[in-house]
Amino acid sequence: MDHYQHPSAIVDEGARIGAGSRVWHFVHVCGGARIGKEVSLGQNVFVGNRVVIGDRCKIQNNVSVYDNVTLEEGVFCGPSMVFTNVYNPRSLIERKDEYQDTVVRRGATLGANCTVVCGITIGEFAFVGAGAVVTRDVPAYALMVGVPARQIGWMSEFGERLDLPLEGHAEAVCAHTGSRYVLAGSTLHRQGAGT
């Protein structure tokens, strides 16, 4: 085994966990899960069968990553944040064939206690604030807060708010990395040096 696994953790046969990953207290990883390298699964995390977790993700305490959720490289899931996989669940109606895919792109942050309603994509390096409820797709680099979540700004890859309008044509430079960000309409992308 080339990853750390606490004695209280349960990793079902067939699960793949990459080198350098850490599986902490009372974690349960189902047999179909694929987990990358240098991933941290905090206390009481659950990982379903049809889940892909990319390299260097951090899943904090009390997060359940249910079937049909894909986390790309470097995603941060804050404590007790919530994923769903059925849009209209009922205990009395079987809906396992109705699971919807949720994709969280590279480098995104999902703040503590936020909720991500299934069937959406969260763009790369987006930042979802603590307690927000995300009900629709989130653009790359967007800063989202509230219930339901709405965009209030843009974030750099370093994790700092950029001084940019929500829409239009503008540029900003990250003071920490020197990276230049270019806003074109309602789309932001990074150019040049930096992370």
C-alpha atoms as a PDB file:
ATOM      1  CA  MET A   1       0.000   0.000   0.000  1.00  0.00           C
ATOM      2  CA  ASP A   2       1.544   3.309  -1.114  1.00  0.00           C
ATOM      3  CA  HIS A   3      -1.001   5.513   0.672  1.00  0.00           C
ATOM      4  CA  TYR A   4      -1.813   6.057   4.347  1.00  0.00           C
ATOM      5  CA  GLN A   5      -4.987   4.469   5.704  1.00  0.00           C
ATOM      6  CA  HIS A   6      -6.113   4.920   9.301  1.00  0.00           C
ATOM      7  CA  PRO A   7      -7.082   1.623  10.987  1.00  0.00           C
ATOM      8  CA  SER A   8     -10.694   2.810  11.409  1.00  0.00           C
ATOM      9  CA  ALA A   9     -11.116   3.511   7.670  1.00  0.00           C
ATOM     10  CA  ILE A  10     -12.931   1.048   5.401  1.00  0.00           C
ATOM     11  CA  VAL A  11     -11.704   0.740   1.822  1.00  0.00           C
ATOM     12  CA  ASP A  12     -13.723  -1.820  -0.133  1.00  0.00           C
ATOM     13  CA  GLU A  13     -11.973  -4.273  -2.423  1.00  0.00           C
ATOM     14  CA  GLY A  14     -11.461  -2.858  -5.912  1.00  0.00           C
ATOM     15  CA  ALA A  15     -11.089   0.791  -4.898  1.00  0.00           C
ATOM     16  CA  ARG A  16      -8.055   2.490  -6.424  1.00  0.00           C
ATOM     17  CA  ILE A  17      -6.179   5.026  -4.315  1.00  0.00           C
ATOM     18  CA  GLY A  18      -3.130   6.840  -5.647  1.00  0.00           C
ATOM     19  CA  ALA A  19       0.304   7.112  -4.086  1.00  0.00           C
ATOM     20  CA  GLY A  20       0.730   9.533  -1.232  1.00  0.00           C
ATOM     21  CA  SER A  21      -2.988   9.833  -0.492  1.00  0.00           C
ATOM     22  CA  ARG A  22      -4.221   9.927   3.099  1.00  0.00           C
ATOM     23  CA  VAL A  23      -7.413   8.196   4.243  1.00  0.00           C
ATOM     24  CA  TRP A  24      -8.260   9.370   7.756  1.00  0.00           C
ATOM     25  CA  HIS A  25     -10.538   8.226  10.610  1.00  0.00           C
ATOM     26  CA  PHE A  26     -13.879   6.555   9.830  1.00  0.00           C
ATOM     27  CA  VAL A  27     -13.658   7.075   6.064  1.00  0.00           C
ATOM     28  CA  HIS A  28     -15.548   4.643   3.793  1.00  0.00           C
ATOM     29  CA  VAL A  29     -14.380   4.264   0.181  1.00  0.00           C
ATOM     30  CA  CYS A  30     -16.571   2.028  -1.998  1.00  0.00           C
ATOM     31  CA  GLY A  31     -15.017  -0.549  -4.326  1.00  0.00           C
ATOM     32  CA  GLY A  32     -15.613   1.266  -7.612  1.00  0.00           C
ATOM     33  CA  ALA A  33     -14.057   4.576  -6.540  1.00  0.00           C
ATOM     34  CA  ARG A  34     -10.981   5.952  -8.323  1.00  0.00           C
ATOM     35  CA  ILE A  35      -8.906   8.317  -6.220  1.00  0.00           C
ATOM     36  CA  GLY A  36      -5.784  10.052  -7.481  1.00  0.00           C
ATOM     37  CA  LYS A  37      -2.390  10.781  -5.946  1.00  0.00           C
ATOM     38  CA  GLU A  38      -1.797  12.939  -2.871  1.00  0.00           C
ATOM     39  CA  VAL A  39      -5.503  13.178  -2.030  1.00  0.00           C
ATOM     40  CA  SER A  40      -6.607  13.847   1.547  1.00  0.00           C
ATOM     41  CA  LEU A  41      -9.869  12.294   2.722  1.00  0.00           C
ATOM     42  CA  GLY A  42     -10.723  13.817   6.116  1.00  0.00           C
ATOM     43  CA  GLN A  43     -12.532  12.207   9.009  1.00  0.00           C
ATOM     44  CA  ASN A  44     -15.932  10.641   8.257  1.00  0.00           C
ATOM     45  CA  VAL A  45     -15.735  11.071   4.465  1.00  0.00           C
ATOM     46  CA  PHE A  46     -17.783   8.729   2.240  1.00  0.00           C
ATOM     47  CA  VAL A  47     -16.792   8.049  -1.388  1.00  0.00           C
ATOM     48  CA  GLY A  48     -19.286   6.226  -3.616  1.00  0.00           C
ATOM     49  CA  ASN A  49     -18.696   3.582  -6.294  1.00  0.00           C
ATOM     50  CA  ARG A  50     -19.064   5.781  -9.372  1.00  0.00           C
ATOM     51  CA  VAL A  51     -16.808   8.577  -8.182  1.00  0.00           C
ATOM     52  CA  VAL A  52     -13.571   9.939  -9.661  1.00  0.00           C
ATOM     53  CA  ILE A  53     -11.346  12.143  -7.505  1.00  0.00           C
ATOM     54  CA  GLY A  54      -8.343  13.713  -9.213  1.00  0.00           C
ATOM     55  CA  ASP A  55      -4.827  14.200  -7.872  1.00  0.00           C
ATOM     56  CA  ARG A  56      -4.193  16.566  -4.948  1.00  0.00           C
ATOM     57  CA  CYS A  57      -7.839  17.052  -3.964  1.00  0.00           C
ATOM     58  CA  LYS A  58      -8.647  17.852  -0.338  1.00  0.00           C
ATOM     59  CA  ILE A  59     -11.939  16.497   0.984  1.00  0.00           C
ATOM     60  CA  GLN A  60     -12.456  17.884   4.486  1.00  0.00           C
ATOM     61  CA  ASN A  61     -14.350  16.219   7.361  1.00  0.00           C
ATOM     62  CA  ASN A  62     -17.944  14.990   7.002  1.00  0.00           C
ATOM     63  CA  VAL A  63     -18.252  15.168   3.196  1.00  0.00           C
ATOM     64  CA  SER A  64     -20.064  12.476   1.196  1.00  0.00           C
ATOM     65  CA  VAL A  65     -19.003  12.248  -2.444  1.00  0.00           C
ATOM     66  CA  TYR A  66     -21.879  10.318  -3.996  1.00  0.00           C
ATOM     67  CA  ASP A  67     -22.099   8.344  -7.250  1.00  0.00           C
ATOM     68  CA  ASN A  68     -21.757  10.325 -10.488  1.00  0.00           C
ATOM     69  CA  VAL A  69     -19.562  13.045  -8.958  1.00  0.00           C
ATOM     70  CA  THR A  70     -16.230  13.793 -10.660  1.00  0.00           C
ATOM     71  CA  LEU A  71     -13.634  16.043  -9.043  1.00  0.00           C
ATOM     72  CA  GLU A  72     -10.759  17.095 -11.264  1.00  0.00           C
ATOM     73  CA  GLU A  73      -7.254  17.841  -9.964  1.00  0.00           C
ATOM     74  CA  GLY A  74      -6.842  20.095  -6.954  1.00  0.00           C
ATOM     75  CA  VAL A  75     -10.481  20.509  -5.915  1.00  0.00           C
ATOM     76  CA  PHE A  76     -11.060  21.634  -2.313  1.00  0.00           C
ATOM     77  CA  CYS A  77     -14.235  20.432  -0.567  1.00  0.00           C
ATOM     78  CA  GLY A  78     -14.767  22.300   2.707  1.00  0.00           C
ATOM     79  CA  PRO A  79     -16.046  20.689   5.915  1.00  0.00           C
ATOM     80  CA  SER A  80     -19.587  19.301   5.751  1.00  0.00           C
ATOM     81  CA  MET A  81     -20.291  20.515   2.211  1.00  0.00           C
ATOM     82  CA  VAL A  82     -22.923  18.476   0.378  1.00  0.00           C
ATOM     83  CA  PHE A  83     -23.212  16.819  -3.025  1.00  0.00           C
ATOM     84  CA  THR A  84     -26.476  15.370  -4.325  1.00  0.00           C
ATOM     85  CA  ASN A  85     -27.052  12.959  -7.204  1.00  0.00           C
ATOM     86  CA  VAL A  86     -30.838  12.851  -7.638  1.00  0.00           C
ATOM     87  CA  TYR A  87     -32.762  16.039  -8.369  1.00  0.00           C
ATOM     88  CA  ASN A  88     -36.091  14.957  -6.869  1.00  0.00           C
ATOM     89  CA  PRO A  89     -35.445  12.159  -4.312  1.00  0.00           C
ATOM     90  CA  ARG A  90     -38.192  10.182  -2.599  1.00  0.00           C
ATOM     91  CA  SER A  91     -37.648   7.338  -0.138  1.00  0.00           C
ATOM     92  CA  LEU A  92     -40.605   5.439  -1.606  1.00  0.00           C
ATOM     93  CA  ILE A  93     -39.516   5.726  -5.244  1.00  0.00           C
ATOM     94  CA  GLU A  94     -36.369   4.064  -6.585  1.00  0.00           C
ATOM     95  CA  ARG A  95     -34.350   6.569  -8.635  1.00  0.00           C
ATOM     96  CA  LYS A  96     -30.882   4.990  -8.903  1.00  0.00           C
ATOM     97  CA  ASP A  97     -31.219   5.057 -12.698  1.00  0.00           C
ATOM     98  CA  GLU A  98     -31.809   8.826 -12.550  1.00  0.00           C
ATOM     99  CA  TYR A  99     -28.482   9.875 -11.024  1.00  0.00           C
ATOM    100  CA  GLN A 100     -27.213  13.068 -12.631  1.00  0.00           C
ATOM    101  CA  ASP A 101     -23.554  13.824 -13.300  1.00  0.00           C
ATOM    102  CA  THR A 102     -21.818  16.580 -11.371  1.00  0.00           C
ATOM    103  CA  VAL A 103     -18.373  17.755 -12.493  1.00  0.00           C
ATOM    104  CA  VAL A 104     -16.104  20.040 -10.491  1.00  0.00           C
ATOM    105  CA  ARG A 105     -13.259  21.320 -12.657  1.00  0.00           C
ATOM    106  CA  ARG A 106      -9.598  21.691 -11.736  1.00  0.00           C
ATOM    107  CA  GLY A 107      -8.687  23.900  -8.797  1.00  0.00           C
ATOM    108  CA  ALA A 108     -12.224  24.829  -7.723  1.00  0.00           C
ATOM    109  CA  THR A 109     -13.068  25.523  -4.066  1.00  0.00           C
ATOM    110  CA  LEU A 110     -16.347  24.445  -2.472  1.00  0.00           C
ATOM    111  CA  GLY A 111     -16.685  26.238   0.856  1.00  0.00           C
ATOM    112  CA  ALA A 112     -17.773  24.766   4.182  1.00  0.00           C
ATOM    113  CA  ASN A 113     -21.435  23.736   4.377  1.00  0.00           C
ATOM    114  CA  CYS A 114     -22.207  24.653   0.766  1.00  0.00           C
ATOM    115  CA  THR A 115     -24.567  22.451  -1.244  1.00  0.00           C
ATOM    116  CA  VAL A 116     -24.069  21.462  -4.878  1.00  0.00           C
ATOM    117  CA  VAL A 117     -27.306  20.351  -6.525  1.00  0.00           C
ATOM    118  CA  CYS A 118     -26.666  17.529  -9.005  1.00  0.00           C
ATOM    119  CA  GLY A 119     -26.418  17.803 -12.775  1.00  0.00           C
ATOM    120  CA  ILE A 120     -24.161  20.854 -12.980  1.00  0.00           C
ATOM    121  CA  THR A 121     -20.564  21.732 -13.803  1.00  0.00           C
ATOM    122  CA  ILE A 122     -18.460  24.026 -11.648  1.00  0.00           C
ATOM    123  CA  GLY A 123     -15.758  25.715 -13.706  1.00  0.00           C
ATOM    124  CA  GLU A 124     -12.042  25.599 -13.027  1.00  0.00           C
ATOM    125  CA  PHE A 125     -10.788  27.694 -10.112  1.00  0.00           C
ATOM    126  CA  ALA A 126     -14.342  28.804  -9.289  1.00  0.00           C
ATOM    127  CA  PHE A 127     -14.889  29.670  -5.628  1.00  0.00           C
ATOM    128  CA  VAL A 128     -18.155  28.754  -3.892  1.00  0.00           C
ATOM    129  CA  GLY A 129     -18.545  30.549  -0.570  1.00  0.00           C
ATOM    130  CA  ALA A 130     -19.449  28.872   2.715  1.00  0.00           C
ATOM    131  CA  GLY A 131     -23.132  27.965   2.985  1.00  0.00           C
ATOM    132  CA  ALA A 132     -23.987  28.723  -0.648  1.00  0.00           C
ATOM    133  CA  VAL A 133     -26.463  26.541  -2.546  1.00  0.00           C
ATOM    134  CA  VAL A 134     -25.357  26.010  -6.154  1.00  0.00           C
ATOM    135  CA  THR A 135     -28.242  25.169  -8.481  1.00  0.00           C
ATOM    136  CA  ARG A 136     -26.762  25.885 -11.937  1.00  0.00           C
ATOM    137  CA  ASP A 137     -23.473  25.772 -13.833  1.00  0.00           C
ATOM    138  CA  VAL A 138     -20.712  28.012 -12.493  1.00  0.00           C
ATOM    139  CA  PRO A 139     -18.237  29.767 -14.835  1.00  0.00           C
ATOM    140  CA  ALA A 140     -14.487  29.316 -14.425  1.00  0.00           C
ATOM    141  CA  TYR A 141     -13.013  31.698 -11.809  1.00  0.00           C
ATOM    142  CA  ALA A 142     -16.471  32.840 -10.627  1.00  0.00           C
ATOM    143  CA  LEU A 143     -17.026  33.795  -6.975  1.00  0.00           C
ATOM    144  CA  MET A 144     -20.427  32.478  -5.895  1.00  0.00           C
ATOM    145  CA  VAL A 145     -22.304  33.191  -2.637  1.00  0.00           C
ATOM    146  CA  GLY A 146     -25.815  32.972  -1.230  1.00  0.00           C
ATOM    147  CA  VAL A 147     -28.970  30.886  -1.466  1.00  0.00           C
ATOM    148  CA  PRO A 148     -29.432  30.259  -4.299  1.00  0.00           C
ATOM    149  CA  ALA A 149     -25.823  31.018  -5.211  1.00  0.00           C
ATOM    150  CA  ARG A 150     -25.204  34.061  -7.391  1.00  0.00           C
ATOM    151  CA  GLN A 151     -21.988  35.401  -8.828  1.00  0.00           C
ATOM    152  CA  ILE A 152     -20.571  38.453  -7.041  1.00  0.00           C
ATOM    153  CA  GLY A 153     -17.080  38.569  -8.553  1.00  0.00           C
ATOM    154  CA  TRP A 154     -14.046  36.739  -9.880  1.00  0.00           C
ATOM    155  CA  MET A 155     -11.220  34.858  -8.127  1.00  0.00           C
ATOM    156  CA  SER A 156      -7.614  34.287  -9.142  1.00  0.00           C
ATOM    157  CA  GLU A 157      -6.031  30.840  -9.202  1.00  0.00           C
ATOM    158  CA  PHE A 158      -4.169  31.927  -6.062  1.00  0.00           C
ATOM    159  CA  GLY A 159      -7.527  32.342  -4.298  1.00  0.00           C
ATOM    160  CA  GLU A 160      -7.756  36.137  -4.116  1.00  0.00           C
ATOM    161  CA  ARG A 161     -10.637  38.270  -5.358  1.00  0.00           C
ATOM    162  CA  LEU A 162      -9.889  40.159  -8.565  1.00  0.00           C
ATOM    163  CA  ASP A 163     -10.950  43.774  -9.103  1.00  0.00           C
ATOM    164  CA  LEU A 164     -13.111  43.157 -12.160  1.00  0.00           C
ATOM    165  CA  PRO A 165     -16.737  43.802 -13.124  1.00  0.00           C
ATOM    166  CA  LEU A 166     -19.019  40.808 -13.614  1.00  0.00           C
ATOM    167  CA  GLU A 167     -19.233  41.519 -17.368  1.00  0.00           C
ATOM    168  CA  GLY A 168     -17.466  43.626 -19.959  1.00  0.00           C
ATOM    169  CA  HIS A 169     -13.904  43.926 -21.177  1.00  0.00           C
ATOM    170  CA  ALA A 170     -11.248  44.407 -18.536  1.00  0.00           C
ATOM    171  CA  GLU A 171      -7.987  43.041 -17.186  1.00  0.00           C
ATOM    172  CA  ALA A 172      -6.540  42.434 -13.727  1.00  0.00           C
ATOM    173  CA  VAL A 173      -3.201  41.196 -12.417  1.00  0.00           C
ATOM    174  CA  CYS A 174      -2.854  38.900  -9.405  1.00  0.00           C
ATOM    175  CA  ALA A 175      -0.576  40.668  -6.916  1.00  0.00           C
ATOM    176  CA  HIS A 176       0.719  37.331  -5.604  1.00  0.00           C
ATOM    177  CA  THR A 177       1.661  35.600  -8.853  1.00  0.00           C
ATOM    178  CA  GLY A 178       1.778  38.265 -11.557  1.00  0.00           C
ATOM    179  CA  SER A 179      -0.765  36.330 -13.602  1.00  0.00           C
ATOM    180  CA  ARG A 180      -2.903  38.451 -15.915  1.00  0.00           C
ATOM    181  CA  TYR A 181      -6.638  37.762 -16.133  1.00  0.00           C
ATOM    182  CA  VAL A 182      -8.672  38.943 -19.108  1.00  0.00           C
ATOM    183  CA  LEU A 183     -12.437  39.396 -18.984  1.00  0.00           C
ATOM    184  CA  ALA A 184     -14.232  39.161 -22.331  1.00  0.00           C
ATOM    185  CA  GLY A 185     -17.978  39.532 -21.940  1.00  0.00           C
ATOM    186  CA  SER A 186     -18.885  37.156 -19.142  1.00  0.00           C
ATOM    187  CA  THR A 187     -15.868  34.842 -19.550  1.00  0.00           C
ATOM    188  CA  LEU A 188     -12.593  35.152 -17.648  1.00  0.00           C
ATOM    189  CA  HIS A 189      -9.335  33.459 -18.585  1.00  0.00           C
ATOM    190  CA  ARG A 190      -5.758  33.649 -17.381  1.00  0.00           C
ATOM    191  CA  GLN A 191      -2.806  34.699 -19.504  1.00  0.00           C
ATOM    192  CA  GLY A 192       0.917  34.812 -18.879  1.00  0.00           C
ATOM    193  CA  ALA A 193       3.128  33.884 -15.949  1.00  0.00           C
ATOM    194  CA  GLY A 194       2.026  32.544 -12.597  1.00  0.00           C
ATOM    195  CA  THR A 195       0.570  29.416 -11.077  1.00  0.00           C
END
